[in-house]
Amino acid sequence: MLRFRHMSPTSRLFYFALAAALLLELYSSPSLAQQGALDLNGVPADPLHAAPGKIVVLVFVRADCPVSNRYAPLIRRLGARYAEKASFWLVYPDKSTSAARIRKHERDFGYSLPALRDPQHALVKQGQVQVTPEVAVFDSSRRLIYHGRIDDQFQDFGRARPTATTHELDDAIRAALAGTAAPPNAPGIGCYISDLE
């Protein structure tokens, strides 16, 4: 351990300046999302800081996941219903999916929500998700209040009910807006996100 009492004033000044520089770097460094999430132009993006005052809903999808694609109409409806109070984002966690492929996927499925690539899985980690489709809902204080399935329509991969009997995403959004308890986290059914640590 350094003994500052026995150092010259110049040495003390040097170590204080070094400590200040390290603290400044620590507190001004980009958030976890900025280090890994990118918009479709390759620019770092952090959806948790993009819409102050709104809740944030991250919807993790894959262009090649049939379960994700089945949920496109519902995701579009919920995004439109809560547009004034919630910031919806599509998050593509597959490292090999290009921006061009994502744009085509959005056109094919009628999405108008902003989309992000998450090749470093920064948002995957923040949202604590494992499959697509899964969602992460953050309240206006950016606290994760729900992560998991959208609803219970899919009982297993390839096996679905005619209609859902529970609606976890809608319930979590309502809870976030009302400041009440969100539904319990429920694992999703779908396509596993590869290369999870």
C-alpha atoms as a PDB file:
ATOM      1  CA  MET A   1       0.000   0.000   0.000  1.00  0.00           C
ATOM      2  CA  LEU A   2       1.266   3.462  -0.858  1.00  0.00           C
ATOM      3  CA  ARG A   3       2.116   5.721   2.090  1.00  0.00           C
ATOM      4  CA  PHE A   4       1.058   9.187   1.020  1.00  0.00           C
ATOM      5  CA  ARG A   5       2.524  10.764   4.171  1.00  0.00           C
ATOM      6  CA  HIS A   6       6.048   9.956   3.021  1.00  0.00           C
ATOM      7  CA  MET A   7       5.599  11.080  -0.593  1.00  0.00           C
ATOM      8  CA  SER A   8       6.697  14.344  -2.051  1.00  0.00           C
ATOM      9  CA  PRO A   9       3.941  16.860  -2.915  1.00  0.00           C
ATOM     10  CA  THR A  10       4.573  16.209  -6.618  1.00  0.00           C
ATOM     11  CA  SER A  11       4.086  12.450  -6.175  1.00  0.00           C
ATOM     12  CA  ARG A  12       0.894  13.010  -4.181  1.00  0.00           C
ATOM     13  CA  LEU A  13      -0.444  15.311  -6.875  1.00  0.00           C
ATOM     14  CA  PHE A  14       0.359  12.704  -9.531  1.00  0.00           C
ATOM     15  CA  TYR A  15      -1.533   9.926  -7.679  1.00  0.00           C
ATOM     16  CA  PHE A  16      -4.546  12.159  -6.966  1.00  0.00           C
ATOM     17  CA  ALA A  17      -4.664  13.157 -10.643  1.00  0.00           C
ATOM     18  CA  LEU A  18      -4.437   9.493 -11.668  1.00  0.00           C
ATOM     19  CA  ALA A  19      -7.260   8.524  -9.280  1.00  0.00           C
ATOM     20  CA  ALA A  20      -9.415  11.378 -10.581  1.00  0.00           C
ATOM     21  CA  ALA A  21      -8.795  10.325 -14.183  1.00  0.00           C
ATOM     22  CA  LEU A  22      -9.742   6.707 -13.395  1.00  0.00           C
ATOM     23  CA  LEU A  23     -12.961   7.796 -11.666  1.00  0.00           C
ATOM     24  CA  LEU A  24     -13.848  10.071 -14.560  1.00  0.00           C
ATOM     25  CA  GLU A  25     -13.302   7.223 -17.015  1.00  0.00           C
ATOM     26  CA  LEU A  26     -15.424   4.884 -14.894  1.00  0.00           C
ATOM     27  CA  TYR A  27     -18.373   7.246 -14.649  1.00  0.00           C
ATOM     28  CA  SER A  28     -18.260   8.554 -18.203  1.00  0.00           C
ATOM     29  CA  SER A  29     -17.781   5.220 -19.961  1.00  0.00           C
ATOM     30  CA  PRO A  30     -20.627   4.042 -22.192  1.00  0.00           C
ATOM     31  CA  SER A  31     -23.362   1.916 -20.679  1.00  0.00           C
ATOM     32  CA  LEU A  32     -23.400  -1.817 -21.263  1.00  0.00           C
ATOM     33  CA  ALA A  33     -25.887  -1.422 -24.095  1.00  0.00           C
ATOM     34  CA  GLN A  34     -23.813   1.247 -25.833  1.00  0.00           C
ATOM     35  CA  GLN A  35     -20.840  -1.103 -25.857  1.00  0.00           C
ATOM     36  CA  GLY A  36     -22.758  -3.749 -27.771  1.00  0.00           C
ATOM     37  CA  ALA A  37     -26.157  -2.720 -29.167  1.00  0.00           C
ATOM     38  CA  LEU A  38     -26.177  -1.070 -32.587  1.00  0.00           C
ATOM     39  CA  ASP A  39     -28.850   0.520 -34.699  1.00  0.00           C
ATOM     40  CA  LEU A  40     -29.175  -0.644 -38.282  1.00  0.00           C
ATOM     41  CA  ASN A  41     -26.644   1.952 -39.434  1.00  0.00           C
ATOM     42  CA  GLY A  42     -24.022   0.501 -37.075  1.00  0.00           C
ATOM     43  CA  VAL A  43     -24.249   3.362 -34.570  1.00  0.00           C
ATOM     44  CA  PRO A  44     -24.132   2.426 -30.846  1.00  0.00           C
ATOM     45  CA  ALA A  45     -27.572   2.728 -29.275  1.00  0.00           C
ATOM     46  CA  ASP A  46     -28.958   2.467 -25.773  1.00  0.00           C
ATOM     47  CA  PRO A  47     -32.756   2.060 -25.739  1.00  0.00           C
ATOM     48  CA  LEU A  48     -32.871   2.465 -21.960  1.00  0.00           C
ATOM     49  CA  HIS A  49     -31.793   6.096 -22.320  1.00  0.00           C
ATOM     50  CA  ALA A  50     -33.672   6.965 -25.499  1.00  0.00           C
ATOM     51  CA  ALA A  51     -37.114   7.811 -24.098  1.00  0.00           C
ATOM     52  CA  PRO A  52     -37.000   9.408 -20.631  1.00  0.00           C
ATOM     53  CA  GLY A  53     -40.229   9.015 -18.690  1.00  0.00           C
ATOM     54  CA  LYS A  54     -41.512   6.106 -20.768  1.00  0.00           C
ATOM     55  CA  ILE A  55     -41.320   2.455 -19.899  1.00  0.00           C
ATOM     56  CA  VAL A  56     -39.110   0.394 -22.219  1.00  0.00           C
ATOM     57  CA  VAL A  57     -40.095  -2.890 -23.829  1.00  0.00           C
ATOM     58  CA  LEU A  58     -37.373  -4.915 -25.520  1.00  0.00           C
ATOM     59  CA  VAL A  59     -38.743  -7.636 -27.792  1.00  0.00           C
ATOM     60  CA  PHE A  60     -36.073 -10.200 -28.678  1.00  0.00           C
ATOM     61  CA  VAL A  61     -36.689 -11.787 -32.070  1.00  0.00           C
ATOM     62  CA  ARG A  62     -34.897 -13.681 -34.798  1.00  0.00           C
ATOM     63  CA  ALA A  63     -35.635 -13.387 -38.486  1.00  0.00           C
ATOM     64  CA  ASP A  64     -35.467 -17.175 -38.887  1.00  0.00           C
ATOM     65  CA  CYS A  65     -37.482 -18.166 -35.799  1.00  0.00           C
ATOM     66  CA  PRO A  66     -41.018 -19.328 -36.689  1.00  0.00           C
ATOM     67  CA  VAL A  67     -42.276 -18.705 -33.140  1.00  0.00           C
ATOM     68  CA  SER A  68     -40.976 -15.115 -33.199  1.00  0.00           C
ATOM     69  CA  ASN A  69     -42.624 -14.576 -36.547  1.00  0.00           C
ATOM     70  CA  ARG A  70     -45.993 -15.884 -35.320  1.00  0.00           C
ATOM     71  CA  TYR A  71     -45.991 -13.105 -32.705  1.00  0.00           C
ATOM     72  CA  ALA A  72     -45.422 -10.263 -35.187  1.00  0.00           C
ATOM     73  CA  PRO A  73     -49.108  -9.186 -35.372  1.00  0.00           C
ATOM     74  CA  LEU A  74     -49.433  -9.092 -31.569  1.00  0.00           C
ATOM     75  CA  ILE A  75     -46.158  -7.194 -31.150  1.00  0.00           C
ATOM     76  CA  ARG A  76     -47.310  -4.637 -33.728  1.00  0.00           C
ATOM     77  CA  ARG A  77     -50.673  -4.214 -31.963  1.00  0.00           C
ATOM     78  CA  LEU A  78     -49.130  -3.778 -28.506  1.00  0.00           C
ATOM     79  CA  GLY A  79     -46.514  -1.371 -29.853  1.00  0.00           C
ATOM     80  CA  ALA A  80     -49.282   0.774 -31.370  1.00  0.00           C
ATOM     81  CA  ARG A  81     -51.566   0.532 -28.327  1.00  0.00           C
ATOM     82  CA  TYR A  82     -48.901   1.733 -25.899  1.00  0.00           C
ATOM     83  CA  ALA A  83     -46.949   4.049 -28.219  1.00  0.00           C
ATOM     84  CA  GLU A  84     -47.620   7.144 -26.089  1.00  0.00           C
ATOM     85  CA  LYS A  85     -46.396   5.569 -22.852  1.00  0.00           C
ATOM     86  CA  ALA A  86     -43.951   2.819 -23.817  1.00  0.00           C
ATOM     87  CA  SER A  87     -40.885   2.703 -26.006  1.00  0.00           C
ATOM     88  CA  PHE A  88     -40.858  -0.598 -27.936  1.00  0.00           C
ATOM     89  CA  TRP A  89     -37.683  -1.948 -29.574  1.00  0.00           C
ATOM     90  CA  LEU A  90     -37.057  -5.059 -31.618  1.00  0.00           C
ATOM     91  CA  VAL A  91     -33.743  -6.624 -30.606  1.00  0.00           C
ATOM     92  CA  TYR A  92     -32.009  -9.098 -32.917  1.00  0.00           C
ATOM     93  CA  PRO A  93     -29.463 -11.027 -30.822  1.00  0.00           C
ATOM     94  CA  ASP A  94     -28.152 -13.351 -33.526  1.00  0.00           C
ATOM     95  CA  LYS A  95     -24.573 -12.289 -34.305  1.00  0.00           C
ATOM     96  CA  SER A  96     -24.746 -13.281 -37.966  1.00  0.00           C
ATOM     97  CA  THR A  97     -27.938 -11.388 -38.863  1.00  0.00           C
ATOM     98  CA  SER A  98     -27.047  -8.390 -41.002  1.00  0.00           C
ATOM     99  CA  ALA A  99     -28.779  -5.020 -40.994  1.00  0.00           C
ATOM    100  CA  ALA A 100     -30.012  -5.741 -44.545  1.00  0.00           C
ATOM    101  CA  ARG A 101     -31.579  -9.030 -43.389  1.00  0.00           C
ATOM    102  CA  ILE A 102     -33.248  -7.245 -40.462  1.00  0.00           C
ATOM    103  CA  ARG A 103     -34.674  -4.542 -42.744  1.00  0.00           C
ATOM    104  CA  LYS A 104     -36.110  -7.247 -45.018  1.00  0.00           C
ATOM    105  CA  HIS A 105     -37.568  -9.069 -42.000  1.00  0.00           C
ATOM    106  CA  GLU A 106     -39.208  -5.862 -40.792  1.00  0.00           C
ATOM    107  CA  ARG A 107     -40.749  -5.262 -44.238  1.00  0.00           C
ATOM    108  CA  ASP A 108     -41.922  -8.872 -44.561  1.00  0.00           C
ATOM    109  CA  PHE A 109     -43.681  -8.787 -41.178  1.00  0.00           C
ATOM    110  CA  GLY A 110     -44.950  -5.212 -41.243  1.00  0.00           C
ATOM    111  CA  TYR A 111     -42.843  -3.910 -38.385  1.00  0.00           C
ATOM    112  CA  SER A 112     -42.447  -0.168 -37.895  1.00  0.00           C
ATOM    113  CA  LEU A 113     -40.736  -0.441 -34.497  1.00  0.00           C
ATOM    114  CA  PRO A 114     -37.094   0.617 -34.192  1.00  0.00           C
ATOM    115  CA  ALA A 115     -34.699  -2.315 -34.446  1.00  0.00           C
ATOM    116  CA  LEU A 116     -31.317  -2.985 -32.894  1.00  0.00           C
ATOM    117  CA  ARG A 117     -28.620  -5.560 -33.461  1.00  0.00           C
ATOM    118  CA  ASP A 118     -27.177  -7.000 -30.232  1.00  0.00           C
ATOM    119  CA  PRO A 119     -24.148  -9.013 -31.376  1.00  0.00           C
ATOM    120  CA  GLN A 120     -22.364  -8.681 -28.013  1.00  0.00           C
ATOM    121  CA  HIS A 121     -25.559  -9.697 -26.144  1.00  0.00           C
ATOM    122  CA  ALA A 122     -25.435  -6.573 -23.982  1.00  0.00           C
ATOM    123  CA  LEU A 123     -29.225  -6.216 -24.054  1.00  0.00           C
ATOM    124  CA  VAL A 124     -29.697  -9.970 -23.763  1.00  0.00           C
ATOM    125  CA  LYS A 125     -27.813  -9.806 -20.460  1.00  0.00           C
ATOM    126  CA  GLN A 126     -29.681  -6.760 -19.225  1.00  0.00           C
ATOM    127  CA  GLY A 127     -33.008  -8.321 -20.173  1.00  0.00           C
ATOM    128  CA  GLN A 128     -32.079 -11.772 -18.794  1.00  0.00           C
ATOM    129  CA  VAL A 129     -33.558 -13.531 -21.812  1.00  0.00           C
ATOM    130  CA  GLN A 130     -32.583 -16.861 -23.343  1.00  0.00           C
ATOM    131  CA  VAL A 131     -34.850 -17.517 -26.317  1.00  0.00           C
ATOM    132  CA  THR A 132     -36.693 -15.663 -29.034  1.00  0.00           C
ATOM    133  CA  PRO A 133     -39.303 -14.470 -28.693  1.00  0.00           C
ATOM    134  CA  GLU A 134     -38.912 -13.188 -25.168  1.00  0.00           C
ATOM    135  CA  VAL A 135     -39.412  -9.709 -23.783  1.00  0.00           C
ATOM    136  CA  ALA A 136     -37.858  -7.514 -21.116  1.00  0.00           C
ATOM    137  CA  VAL A 137     -39.971  -4.748 -19.580  1.00  0.00           C
ATOM    138  CA  PHE A 138     -38.264  -1.885 -17.741  1.00  0.00           C
ATOM    139  CA  ASP A 139     -40.238   0.638 -15.703  1.00  0.00           C
ATOM    140  CA  SER A 140     -39.680   4.382 -16.047  1.00  0.00           C
ATOM    141  CA  SER A 141     -36.811   4.127 -13.526  1.00  0.00           C
ATOM    142  CA  ARG A 142     -35.176   1.530 -15.812  1.00  0.00           C
ATOM    143  CA  ARG A 143     -35.680  -1.297 -13.335  1.00  0.00           C
ATOM    144  CA  LEU A 144     -36.286  -4.679 -14.989  1.00  0.00           C
ATOM    145  CA  ILE A 145     -39.738  -5.709 -13.778  1.00  0.00           C
ATOM    146  CA  TYR A 146     -40.490  -8.611 -16.099  1.00  0.00           C
ATOM    147  CA  HIS A 147     -38.633 -10.892 -18.485  1.00  0.00           C
ATOM    148  CA  GLY A 148     -39.878 -13.940 -20.310  1.00  0.00           C
ATOM    149  CA  ARG A 149     -42.634 -15.051 -22.626  1.00  0.00           C
ATOM    150  CA  ILE A 150     -45.152 -12.798 -24.329  1.00  0.00           C
ATOM    151  CA  ASP A 151     -48.081 -15.054 -23.435  1.00  0.00           C
ATOM    152  CA  ASP A 152     -48.812 -18.758 -23.030  1.00  0.00           C
ATOM    153  CA  GLN A 153     -50.007 -19.536 -26.546  1.00  0.00           C
ATOM    154  CA  PHE A 154     -46.989 -21.765 -27.219  1.00  0.00           C
ATOM    155  CA  GLN A 155     -46.848 -24.763 -24.897  1.00  0.00           C
ATOM    156  CA  ASP A 156     -43.806 -26.262 -26.583  1.00  0.00           C
ATOM    157  CA  PHE A 157     -41.868 -25.687 -29.783  1.00  0.00           C
ATOM    158  CA  GLY A 158     -44.333 -26.509 -32.568  1.00  0.00           C
ATOM    159  CA  ARG A 159     -47.307 -26.932 -30.222  1.00  0.00           C
ATOM    160  CA  ALA A 160     -49.625 -23.978 -29.649  1.00  0.00           C
ATOM    161  CA  ARG A 161     -53.053 -23.275 -28.198  1.00  0.00           C
ATOM    162  CA  PRO A 162     -55.656 -21.706 -30.506  1.00  0.00           C
ATOM    163  CA  THR A 163     -55.503 -18.589 -28.304  1.00  0.00           C
ATOM    164  CA  ALA A 164     -53.458 -17.551 -25.296  1.00  0.00           C
ATOM    165  CA  THR A 165     -54.959 -17.880 -21.814  1.00  0.00           C
ATOM    166  CA  THR A 166     -52.424 -15.596 -20.099  1.00  0.00           C
ATOM    167  CA  HIS A 167     -50.974 -12.315 -21.383  1.00  0.00           C
ATOM    168  CA  GLU A 168     -47.736 -11.671 -19.507  1.00  0.00           C
ATOM    169  CA  LEU A 169     -46.362  -8.899 -21.730  1.00  0.00           C
ATOM    170  CA  ASP A 170     -49.590  -6.892 -21.691  1.00  0.00           C
ATOM    171  CA  ASP A 171     -49.919  -7.437 -17.926  1.00  0.00           C
ATOM    172  CA  ALA A 172     -46.295  -6.356 -17.335  1.00  0.00           C
ATOM    173  CA  ILE A 173     -46.792  -3.162 -19.360  1.00  0.00           C
ATOM    174  CA  ARG A 174     -49.963  -2.323 -17.419  1.00  0.00           C
ATOM    175  CA  ALA A 175     -48.153  -3.014 -14.138  1.00  0.00           C
ATOM    176  CA  ALA A 176     -45.231  -0.794 -15.118  1.00  0.00           C
ATOM    177  CA  LEU A 177     -47.599   2.034 -16.033  1.00  0.00           C
ATOM    178  CA  ALA A 178     -49.617   1.650 -12.829  1.00  0.00           C
ATOM    179  CA  GLY A 179     -46.619   1.084 -10.549  1.00  0.00           C
ATOM    180  CA  THR A 180     -48.004  -2.267  -9.389  1.00  0.00           C
ATOM    181  CA  ALA A 181     -46.471  -5.738  -9.212  1.00  0.00           C
ATOM    182  CA  ALA A 182     -45.659  -7.326 -12.550  1.00  0.00           C
ATOM    183  CA  PRO A 183     -46.557 -10.937 -13.333  1.00  0.00           C
ATOM    184  CA  PRO A 184     -44.001 -13.564 -12.347  1.00  0.00           C
ATOM    185  CA  ASN A 185     -41.235 -14.113 -14.894  1.00  0.00           C
ATOM    186  CA  ALA A 186     -42.114 -17.000 -17.188  1.00  0.00           C
ATOM    187  CA  PRO A 187     -39.657 -18.691 -19.572  1.00  0.00           C
ATOM    188  CA  GLY A 188     -40.388 -18.380 -23.247  1.00  0.00           C
ATOM    189  CA  ILE A 189     -40.798 -21.103 -25.845  1.00  0.00           C
ATOM    190  CA  GLY A 190     -38.930 -20.555 -29.068  1.00  0.00           C
ATOM    191  CA  CYS A 191     -35.460 -20.461 -30.585  1.00  0.00           C
ATOM    192  CA  TYR A 192     -32.486 -20.436 -28.235  1.00  0.00           C
ATOM    193  CA  ILE A 193     -30.121 -17.492 -28.445  1.00  0.00           C
ATOM    194  CA  SER A 194     -26.765 -18.936 -29.446  1.00  0.00           C
ATOM    195  CA  ASP A 195     -23.442 -18.219 -27.746  1.00  0.00           C
ATOM    196  CA  LEU A 196     -24.951 -17.242 -24.403  1.00  0.00           C
ATOM    197  CA  GLU A 197     -22.359 -17.069 -21.616  1.00  0.00           C
END
